[in-house]
Protein backbone atom coordinates (compact mmCIF):
# COMPACT_ATOMS: atom_id res chain seq x y z
CA UNK A 1 8.99 -2.38 11.92
CA UNK A 2 7.57 -2.99 15.38
CA UNK A 3 5.80 -6.31 14.96
CA UNK A 4 4.12 -6.06 18.37
CA UNK A 5 2.20 -3.01 17.20
CA UNK A 6 1.47 -4.73 13.86
CA UNK A 7 -0.01 -7.81 15.59
CA UNK A 8 -1.96 -5.71 18.09
CA UNK A 9 -3.58 -3.65 15.32
CA UNK A 10 -4.41 -6.82 13.40
CA UNK A 11 -6.16 -8.34 16.41
CA UNK A 12 -8.03 -5.12 17.20
CA UNK A 13 -9.32 -4.80 13.63
CA UNK A 14 -10.70 -8.36 13.41
CA UNK A 15 -9.29 -8.45 9.87
CA UNK A 16 -8.98 -11.77 8.07
CA UNK A 17 -5.47 -10.75 6.95
CA UNK A 18 -3.11 -7.84 7.53
CA UNK A 19 -0.49 -6.77 5.00
CA UNK A 20 2.73 -4.93 5.81
CA UNK A 21 3.61 -2.40 3.10
CA UNK A 22 5.76 0.68 2.67
CA UNK A 23 5.61 3.74 0.47
CA UNK A 24 8.06 3.64 -2.42
CA UNK A 25 9.41 6.08 -5.01
CA UNK A 26 8.14 6.14 -8.58
CA UNK A 27 11.47 4.86 -9.94
CA UNK A 28 11.11 1.72 -7.76
CA UNK A 29 7.35 1.26 -7.95
CA UNK A 30 7.12 -0.69 -11.22
CA UNK A 31 9.37 -3.42 -9.76
CA UNK A 32 6.78 -4.29 -7.08
CA UNK A 33 3.19 -5.29 -6.64
CA UNK A 34 1.35 -2.08 -5.73
CA UNK A 35 -1.75 -1.52 -3.64
CA UNK A 36 -4.28 1.27 -3.60
CA UNK A 37 -5.63 1.84 -0.11
CA UNK A 38 -8.53 3.88 1.20
CA UNK A 39 -8.42 6.37 4.08
CA UNK A 40 -8.76 3.51 6.58
CA UNK A 41 -5.87 1.53 5.10
CA UNK A 42 -8.10 -1.06 3.42
CA UNK A 43 -6.71 -2.41 0.13
CA UNK A 44 -9.06 -1.47 -2.71
CA UNK A 45 -6.91 -2.47 -5.70
CA UNK A 46 -3.74 -4.45 -6.47
CA UNK A 47 -1.52 -4.39 -9.58
CA UNK A 48 1.53 -6.61 -10.16
CA UNK A 49 4.48 -4.56 -11.51
CA UNK A 50 2.42 -1.94 -13.38
CA UNK A 51 4.00 0.23 -16.08
CA UNK A 52 3.03 3.49 -17.82
CA UNK A 53 -0.53 4.70 -17.25
CA UNK A 54 -1.26 1.70 -15.00
CA UNK A 55 1.62 2.78 -12.76
CA UNK A 56 0.35 6.37 -12.56
CA UNK A 57 -3.13 5.02 -11.80
CA UNK A 58 -1.85 3.22 -8.71
CA UNK A 59 -0.76 6.41 -6.93
CA UNK A 60 -2.43 7.18 -3.62
CA UNK A 61 -2.68 10.58 -1.94
CA UNK A 62 -1.11 10.46 1.53
CA UNK A 63 0.41 13.12 3.68
CA UNK A 64 -0.13 15.88 1.14
CA UNK A 65 1.56 14.08 -1.74
CA UNK A 66 1.16 11.27 -4.23
CA UNK A 67 3.02 8.05 -3.51
CA UNK A 68 2.92 4.36 -4.23
CA UNK A 69 2.32 1.61 -1.65
CA UNK A 70 4.59 -1.41 -2.29
């Protein structure tokens, strides 16, 4: 991760906080806290280590596919 770009985007957005996260595979997703994000990258929901239907509910649509943001 290029932290210079990360810090620059944080400063430009005037956000109170900025979170670094990565997409993860379904088989790994339930081991992490997951975030749902909107089209602008704003966190709209968080679930700690979801399982079953809660895990499926935390999918986000990005780049033409469903994925999880860990």
